[in-house]
N, C-alpha and C. Protein backbone atom coordinates (compact mmCIF):
# COMPACT_ATOMS: atom_id res chain seq x y z
N MET A 1 -9.04 -10.54 34.28
CA MET A 1 -9.10 -11.67 33.39
C MET A 1 -8.34 -12.82 34.04
N ASP A 2 -8.97 -13.97 34.11
CA ASP A 2 -8.33 -15.15 34.68
C ASP A 2 -7.28 -15.66 33.70
N SER A 3 -6.07 -15.79 34.17
CA SER A 3 -4.99 -16.19 33.27
C SER A 3 -4.89 -17.71 33.10
N ALA A 4 -5.53 -18.46 33.97
CA ALA A 4 -5.54 -19.92 33.88
C ALA A 4 -4.15 -20.52 33.73
N GLY A 5 -3.16 -19.86 34.31
CA GLY A 5 -1.81 -20.38 34.28
C GLY A 5 -1.09 -20.19 32.96
N LEU A 6 -1.64 -19.38 32.06
CA LEU A 6 -1.00 -19.14 30.77
C LEU A 6 0.24 -18.26 30.94
N PRO A 7 1.26 -18.49 30.13
CA PRO A 7 2.42 -17.60 30.17
C PRO A 7 2.05 -16.20 29.65
N PHE A 8 2.83 -15.21 30.04
CA PHE A 8 2.53 -13.83 29.70
C PHE A 8 2.35 -13.62 28.20
N HIS A 9 3.22 -14.17 27.37
CA HIS A 9 3.11 -13.93 25.92
C HIS A 9 1.79 -14.46 25.37
N ARG A 10 1.28 -15.52 25.92
CA ARG A 10 -0.01 -16.06 25.47
C ARG A 10 -1.17 -15.18 25.94
N LYS A 11 -1.10 -14.70 27.20
CA LYS A 11 -2.13 -13.81 27.71
C LYS A 11 -2.17 -12.53 26.90
N SER A 12 -1.01 -11.98 26.57
CA SER A 12 -0.99 -10.74 25.81
C SER A 12 -1.55 -10.94 24.41
N GLU A 13 -1.34 -12.10 23.83
CA GLU A 13 -1.90 -12.40 22.50
C GLU A 13 -3.42 -12.51 22.57
N VAL A 14 -3.94 -13.13 23.60
CA VAL A 14 -5.39 -13.23 23.78
C VAL A 14 -6.01 -11.84 23.94
N LEU A 15 -5.39 -10.99 24.74
CA LEU A 15 -5.88 -9.64 24.92
C LEU A 15 -5.81 -8.84 23.63
N ARG A 16 -4.74 -8.99 22.87
CA ARG A 16 -4.60 -8.28 21.60
C ARG A 16 -5.69 -8.71 20.63
N LEU A 17 -5.93 -10.00 20.51
CA LEU A 17 -6.98 -10.49 19.62
C LEU A 17 -8.37 -10.03 20.06
N THR A 18 -8.60 -10.03 21.36
CA THR A 18 -9.88 -9.55 21.88
C THR A 18 -10.09 -8.09 21.51
N ALA A 19 -9.08 -7.27 21.72
CA ALA A 19 -9.19 -5.84 21.41
C ALA A 19 -9.31 -5.59 19.92
N ALA A 20 -8.64 -6.38 19.10
CA ALA A 20 -8.62 -6.14 17.66
C ALA A 20 -9.82 -6.73 16.93
N GLU A 21 -10.35 -7.86 17.41
CA GLU A 21 -11.38 -8.55 16.64
C GLU A 21 -12.72 -8.68 17.35
N VAL A 22 -12.72 -8.95 18.63
CA VAL A 22 -13.98 -9.20 19.34
C VAL A 22 -14.68 -7.90 19.71
N LEU A 23 -13.96 -6.99 20.37
CA LEU A 23 -14.59 -5.76 20.83
C LEU A 23 -15.15 -4.90 19.70
N PRO A 24 -14.44 -4.70 18.59
CA PRO A 24 -15.03 -3.92 17.50
C PRO A 24 -16.32 -4.55 16.97
N GLN A 25 -16.38 -5.86 16.90
CA GLN A 25 -17.59 -6.53 16.42
C GLN A 25 -18.74 -6.33 17.40
N LEU A 26 -18.46 -6.42 18.70
CA LEU A 26 -19.50 -6.18 19.70
C LEU A 26 -20.01 -4.75 19.62
N ARG A 27 -19.10 -3.79 19.47
CA ARG A 27 -19.51 -2.38 19.36
C ARG A 27 -20.40 -2.18 18.15
N HIS A 28 -20.12 -2.89 17.09
CA HIS A 28 -20.91 -2.76 15.86
C HIS A 28 -22.30 -3.38 16.02
N GLU A 29 -22.38 -4.52 16.68
CA GLU A 29 -23.63 -5.27 16.76
C GLU A 29 -24.55 -4.85 17.91
N LEU A 30 -23.99 -4.41 19.02
CA LEU A 30 -24.81 -4.08 20.17
C LEU A 30 -25.16 -2.59 20.17
N PRO A 31 -26.40 -2.27 20.55
CA PRO A 31 -26.77 -0.85 20.60
C PRO A 31 -26.06 -0.15 21.75
N ASP A 32 -25.80 1.12 21.56
CA ASP A 32 -25.19 1.93 22.61
C ASP A 32 -26.32 2.50 23.45
N THR A 33 -26.51 1.96 24.65
CA THR A 33 -27.63 2.37 25.49
C THR A 33 -27.26 3.45 26.50
N LEU A 34 -26.01 3.89 26.50
CA LEU A 34 -25.60 4.94 27.43
C LEU A 34 -26.04 6.30 26.89
N PRO A 35 -26.39 7.20 27.78
CA PRO A 35 -26.88 8.51 27.34
C PRO A 35 -25.76 9.48 26.98
N TRP A 36 -25.01 9.19 25.91
CA TRP A 36 -23.93 10.07 25.50
C TRP A 36 -24.51 11.36 24.93
N PRO A 37 -23.90 12.50 25.25
CA PRO A 37 -24.40 13.76 24.67
C PRO A 37 -24.07 13.83 23.19
N SER A 38 -24.91 14.51 22.45
CA SER A 38 -24.62 14.72 21.03
C SER A 38 -23.51 15.76 20.94
N ALA A 39 -22.96 15.96 19.75
CA ALA A 39 -21.89 16.93 19.56
C ALA A 39 -22.36 18.33 19.95
N ALA A 40 -23.62 18.65 19.68
CA ALA A 40 -24.14 19.97 20.02
C ALA A 40 -24.29 20.14 21.53
N GLU A 41 -24.50 19.06 22.26
CA GLU A 41 -24.70 19.12 23.70
C GLU A 41 -23.41 18.93 24.48
N ASP A 42 -22.33 18.56 23.81
CA ASP A 42 -21.08 18.23 24.49
C ASP A 42 -20.52 19.45 25.20
N PRO A 43 -20.46 19.44 26.54
CA PRO A 43 -19.98 20.61 27.28
C PRO A 43 -18.47 20.78 27.23
N VAL A 44 -17.75 19.75 26.84
CA VAL A 44 -16.29 19.82 26.80
C VAL A 44 -15.84 20.03 25.36
N PRO A 45 -15.20 21.16 25.06
CA PRO A 45 -14.75 21.37 23.68
C PRO A 45 -13.67 20.36 23.31
N ARG A 46 -13.78 19.80 22.14
CA ARG A 46 -12.81 18.80 21.66
C ARG A 46 -11.96 19.43 20.57
N PRO A 47 -10.65 19.17 20.59
CA PRO A 47 -9.80 19.71 19.53
C PRO A 47 -10.12 19.04 18.19
N VAL A 48 -10.05 19.80 17.13
CA VAL A 48 -10.28 19.27 15.78
C VAL A 48 -8.98 18.67 15.30
N PRO A 49 -9.00 17.39 14.85
CA PRO A 49 -7.76 16.79 14.34
C PRO A 49 -7.20 17.59 13.18
N GLU A 50 -5.91 17.62 13.09
CA GLU A 50 -5.21 18.38 12.04
C GLU A 50 -5.69 17.97 10.64
N ALA A 51 -5.92 16.67 10.44
CA ALA A 51 -6.34 16.18 9.12
C ALA A 51 -7.72 16.68 8.74
N ALA A 52 -8.55 17.06 9.71
CA ALA A 52 -9.91 17.50 9.42
C ALA A 52 -9.97 18.99 9.11
N ARG A 53 -8.88 19.70 9.27
CA ARG A 53 -8.89 21.14 9.03
C ARG A 53 -8.71 21.49 7.59
């Protein structure tokens, strides 16, 4: 990311806002075109979160 001469605290705020507001909206609006395996096809066992037990 080009910092354009911004001080660190300003760059970190821009990154925080991007992660908190922009990226979730993009994930919601754009289709996921990567060939992710379904849960039944997932070769790597995943631990079940404690709250889900």
